[in-house]
Amino acid sequence: MDYLHQFLFGIYPYIALAIFLLGSLIRFDREQYTWKSESSQTLHTGMLRLGSPLFHVGVLGLFFGHAVGLLTPVGVWDALGIEHGTKQLVAMVAGGVMGSLALIGLLMLLARRFSNDRIRAVTTFKDKIVLLWILATLLLGLSSIVSSAGHMDGHMMVLLMNWAQHVVTFRGDAAGFIEAAPLVFKLHLFMGMSLFVIFPFTRLVHVWSGFGAVTYLGRAFQLVRSR
């Protein structure tokens, strides 16, 4: 196993996670007025009403699907009697559906953003990086489904699960599990981890506010103006 592979898949995940958590905390502490989604709906609606729900539903489905699929111990699936090949097939179908929804929504958002002069004028370099990075990550993820179809025994799925679980449990041998993985998987993993790196410096930070919305219904009434 060469040093580059060990760095990208054994060390880089922790660098990405540290930047993601500390960067988000520092930005919230120092630049709260920039903590927003920077919506452009008031400038032009266009395909936003359809593209945005498709994109967000797809991305959320992919996030939680990856979390459950990769971080659930292999022994749990075995105890449930779910074969590795069956789990891989379910992951391919669910990932394909959610990935397609996210891709369609993202393409609609990209078309809206770059076809309208007013929105294009307020689109920053960071916005372009985020959108194109997510696009590349989605395309790589969907391409990995094609690669997975060539070996339906579930072996690669188990290796990816072991890699993810060894990373989150701070075991130093994680990179070895995916050393022989196809290039498309490695590129997808790298692009996905790098999203966490750029997260604190872009509008993506508004995702944190979504978790806070869960407590919204339990908040006390806010007095906006006196009677």
Protein backbone atom coordinates (compact mmCIF):
# COMPACT_ATOMS: atom_id res chain seq x y z
CA MET A 1 0.00 0.00 0.00
CA ASP A 2 1.58 3.29 -1.11
CA TYR A 3 1.78 6.44 0.99
CA LEU A 4 -0.73 8.42 -1.13
CA HIS A 5 -3.43 5.77 -0.67
CA GLN A 6 -2.72 5.59 3.06
CA PHE A 7 -2.93 9.37 3.34
CA LEU A 8 -6.14 9.78 1.32
CA PHE A 9 -8.10 6.99 2.97
CA GLY A 10 -6.39 6.58 6.32
CA ILE A 11 -5.45 10.12 7.37
CA TYR A 12 -7.42 12.54 5.17
CA PRO A 13 -10.82 11.45 6.62
CA TYR A 14 -9.76 12.81 10.02
CA ILE A 15 -8.44 16.04 8.50
CA ALA A 16 -11.75 16.52 6.68
CA LEU A 17 -13.76 15.80 9.83
CA ALA A 18 -11.67 18.20 11.92
CA ILE A 19 -12.06 21.02 9.39
CA PHE A 20 -15.79 20.28 9.11
CA LEU A 21 -16.45 20.48 12.86
CA LEU A 22 -13.98 23.15 13.94
CA GLY A 23 -14.56 25.28 10.86
CA SER A 24 -18.32 25.24 11.38
CA LEU A 25 -17.94 26.13 15.05
CA ILE A 26 -15.54 29.00 14.36
CA ARG A 27 -17.72 30.41 11.58
CA PHE A 28 -20.81 30.30 13.79
CA ASP A 29 -18.90 32.05 16.56
CA ARG A 30 -17.26 34.74 14.42
CA GLU A 31 -19.47 35.25 11.35
CA GLN A 32 -23.06 34.56 12.31
CA TYR A 33 -24.40 37.06 9.77
CA THR A 34 -22.96 34.88 6.99
CA TRP A 35 -24.69 31.77 8.38
CA LYS A 36 -27.45 31.48 5.81
CA SER A 37 -28.48 29.72 2.64
CA GLU A 38 -28.27 32.95 0.62
CA SER A 39 -31.49 32.22 -1.20
CA SER A 40 -31.98 33.89 -4.58
CA GLN A 41 -35.71 33.20 -4.78
CA THR A 42 -36.60 36.89 -4.59
CA LEU A 43 -34.53 37.54 -7.70
CA HIS A 44 -36.01 34.80 -9.86
CA THR A 45 -38.02 31.69 -9.05
CA GLY A 46 -37.77 29.73 -12.27
CA MET A 47 -37.23 26.00 -11.67
CA LEU A 48 -36.44 26.51 -7.99
CA ARG A 49 -39.83 25.22 -6.78
CA LEU A 50 -39.24 21.84 -8.40
CA GLY A 51 -35.45 21.63 -8.53
CA SER A 52 -34.84 22.47 -4.88
CA PRO A 53 -37.16 19.79 -3.38
CA LEU A 54 -35.82 17.14 -5.76
CA PHE A 55 -32.24 18.03 -4.89
CA HIS A 56 -32.76 18.18 -1.13
CA VAL A 57 -34.83 14.98 -0.94
CA GLY A 58 -32.22 13.16 -3.01
CA VAL A 59 -29.26 14.45 -1.01
CA LEU A 60 -30.89 13.70 2.35
CA GLY A 61 -31.77 10.21 1.15
CA LEU A 62 -28.19 9.64 0.04
CA PHE A 63 -26.75 10.97 3.30
CA PHE A 64 -28.84 8.80 5.60
CA GLY A 65 -28.61 5.85 3.22
CA HIS A 66 -24.82 6.03 3.24
CA ALA A 67 -24.77 6.45 7.03
CA VAL A 68 -26.97 3.41 7.69
CA GLY A 69 -25.47 1.26 4.94
CA LEU A 70 -21.81 1.91 5.75
CA LEU A 71 -21.90 2.25 9.54
CA THR A 72 -24.20 -0.64 10.46
CA PRO A 73 -21.88 -3.51 11.50
CA VAL A 74 -21.71 -6.42 9.09
CA GLY A 75 -22.71 -8.76 11.93
CA VAL A 76 -26.06 -6.99 12.27
CA TRP A 77 -26.95 -7.69 8.64
CA ASP A 78 -25.80 -11.30 9.05
CA ALA A 79 -27.92 -11.69 12.20
CA LEU A 80 -30.94 -10.38 10.28
CA GLY A 81 -30.32 -12.98 7.59
CA ILE A 82 -29.68 -10.42 4.87
CA GLU A 83 -27.11 -11.67 2.40
CA HIS A 84 -24.31 -9.36 1.29
CA GLY A 85 -25.41 -9.53 -2.32
CA THR A 86 -28.98 -8.61 -1.37
CA LYS A 87 -27.79 -5.65 0.67
CA GLN A 88 -25.67 -4.50 -2.26
CA LEU A 89 -28.65 -4.72 -4.61
CA VAL A 90 -30.82 -2.68 -2.24
CA ALA A 91 -28.04 -0.11 -1.88
CA MET A 92 -27.68 0.12 -5.66
CA VAL A 93 -31.41 0.61 -6.24
CA ALA A 94 -31.92 3.08 -3.39
CA GLY A 95 -28.73 4.96 -4.26
CA GLY A 96 -29.71 5.06 -7.90
CA VAL A 97 -33.16 6.48 -7.15
CA MET A 98 -31.97 9.08 -4.64
CA GLY A 99 -28.91 9.94 -6.70
CA SER A 100 -31.04 10.45 -9.80
CA LEU A 101 -33.44 12.72 -7.90
CA ALA A 102 -30.54 14.78 -6.57
CA LEU A 103 -28.91 14.94 -10.00
CA ILE A 104 -32.09 16.05 -11.78
CA GLY A 105 -32.74 18.67 -9.12
CA LEU A 106 -29.15 19.91 -9.23
CA LEU A 107 -29.17 20.21 -13.02
CA MET A 108 -32.35 22.26 -12.80
CA LEU A 109 -30.78 24.51 -10.16
CA LEU A 110 -27.63 24.90 -12.27
CA ALA A 111 -29.66 25.77 -15.36
CA ARG A 112 -31.65 28.34 -13.38
CA ARG A 113 -28.57 29.88 -11.79
CA PHE A 114 -26.52 30.26 -14.95
CA SER A 115 -29.30 31.16 -17.37
CA ASN A 116 -30.62 34.16 -15.44
CA ASP A 117 -28.54 37.35 -15.52
CA ARG A 118 -29.63 38.56 -12.07
CA ILE A 119 -28.83 35.27 -10.32
CA ARG A 120 -25.61 34.81 -12.24
CA ALA A 121 -24.48 38.26 -11.10
CA VAL A 122 -24.79 37.32 -7.41
CA THR A 123 -23.29 33.84 -7.81
CA THR A 124 -19.92 33.78 -6.08
CA PHE A 125 -16.90 31.67 -6.89
CA LYS A 126 -17.61 29.57 -3.79
CA ASP A 127 -21.15 28.91 -5.05
CA LYS A 128 -19.78 27.60 -8.33
CA ILE A 129 -17.25 25.39 -6.57
CA VAL A 130 -19.92 23.85 -4.33
CA LEU A 131 -22.39 23.19 -7.13
CA LEU A 132 -19.83 21.70 -9.50
CA TRP A 133 -18.23 19.66 -6.70
CA ILE A 134 -21.57 18.16 -5.74
CA LEU A 135 -22.31 17.48 -9.41
CA ALA A 136 -19.03 15.60 -9.84
CA THR A 137 -19.61 13.65 -6.62
CA LEU A 138 -23.10 12.63 -7.75
CA LEU A 139 -21.90 11.53 -11.18
CA LEU A 140 -19.12 9.45 -9.64
CA GLY A 141 -21.56 7.89 -7.20
CA LEU A 142 -23.98 6.95 -9.97
CA SER A 143 -21.07 5.61 -12.05
CA SER A 144 -20.06 3.37 -9.14
CA ILE A 145 -23.43 1.62 -9.50
CA VAL A 146 -22.40 0.49 -12.97
CA SER A 147 -19.14 -0.84 -11.54
CA SER A 148 -20.98 -2.60 -8.71
CA ALA A 149 -23.25 -4.36 -11.21
CA GLY A 150 -20.22 -6.30 -12.41
CA HIS A 151 -19.75 -8.08 -9.08
CA MET A 152 -22.96 -8.74 -7.19
CA ASP A 153 -21.44 -10.94 -4.47
CA GLY A 154 -21.40 -8.02 -2.04
CA HIS A 155 -17.68 -8.33 -1.37
CA MET A 156 -16.87 -4.72 -2.31
CA MET A 157 -19.79 -3.52 -0.21
CA VAL A 158 -18.36 -5.32 2.84
CA LEU A 159 -14.92 -3.81 2.22
CA LEU A 160 -16.40 -0.30 2.04
CA MET A 161 -18.34 -0.92 5.24
CA ASN A 162 -15.20 -2.13 7.01
CA TRP A 163 -13.31 0.94 5.79
CA ALA A 164 -15.96 3.36 7.07
CA GLN A 165 -16.37 1.57 10.39
CA HIS A 166 -12.62 1.39 11.00
CA VAL A 167 -12.35 5.12 10.24
CA VAL A 168 -15.05 6.15 12.72
CA THR A 169 -13.63 3.85 15.40
CA PHE A 170 -10.14 5.32 14.93
CA ARG A 171 -8.42 2.12 13.83
CA GLY A 172 -5.35 2.75 11.74
CA ASP A 173 -5.84 -0.07 9.23
CA ALA A 174 -8.88 1.40 7.45
CA ALA A 175 -7.11 2.26 4.19
CA GLY A 176 -6.11 -1.34 3.60
CA PHE A 177 -9.68 -2.50 3.06
CA ILE A 178 -10.17 -0.49 -0.13
CA GLU A 179 -6.67 -0.66 -1.56
CA ALA A 180 -7.88 -2.81 -4.47
CA ALA A 181 -11.17 -0.94 -4.94
CA PRO A 182 -11.95 0.35 -8.46
CA LEU A 183 -10.85 3.91 -9.16
CA VAL A 184 -14.42 5.20 -9.41
CA PHE A 185 -15.06 4.23 -5.78
CA LYS A 186 -11.89 5.93 -4.59
CA LEU A 187 -12.68 9.11 -6.50
CA HIS A 188 -16.22 9.14 -5.12
CA LEU A 189 -14.94 8.72 -1.57
CA PHE A 190 -12.36 11.48 -2.01
CA MET A 191 -14.90 13.91 -3.48
CA GLY A 192 -17.38 13.08 -0.74
CA MET A 193 -14.84 13.62 2.04
CA SER A 194 -13.72 16.87 0.45
CA LEU A 195 -17.29 18.20 0.65
CA PHE A 196 -16.81 18.20 4.41
CA VAL A 197 -13.63 20.26 3.92
CA ILE A 198 -15.31 23.03 1.93
CA PHE A 199 -18.52 22.86 4.00
CA PRO A 200 -17.65 25.50 6.66
CA PHE A 201 -16.56 28.07 4.08
CA THR A 202 -19.69 28.02 1.93
CA ARG A 203 -23.48 28.35 2.13
CA LEU A 204 -23.61 24.65 3.01
CA VAL A 205 -23.40 25.64 6.69
CA HIS A 206 -27.16 26.28 6.62
CA VAL A 207 -27.54 22.49 6.83
CA TRP A 208 -26.75 22.77 10.55
CA SER A 209 -29.73 25.08 10.96
CA GLY A 210 -31.96 22.35 9.59
CA PHE A 211 -31.19 20.20 12.61
CA GLY A 212 -32.12 23.12 14.85
CA ALA A 213 -35.50 23.37 13.15
CA VAL A 214 -36.55 20.18 14.96
CA THR A 215 -36.84 22.17 18.21
CA TYR A 216 -38.68 25.05 16.55
CA LEU A 217 -42.16 23.85 17.52
CA GLY A 218 -41.17 23.73 21.16
CA ARG A 219 -39.87 27.29 21.35
CA ALA A 220 -41.61 29.97 23.39
CA PHE A 221 -43.57 32.65 21.58
CA GLN A 222 -41.46 35.54 20.38
CA LEU A 223 -42.74 39.09 20.86
CA VAL A 224 -42.01 40.91 17.60
CA ARG A 225 -43.69 44.25 18.46
CA SER A 226 -45.63 45.67 21.35
CA ARG A 227 -49.41 45.88 21.18
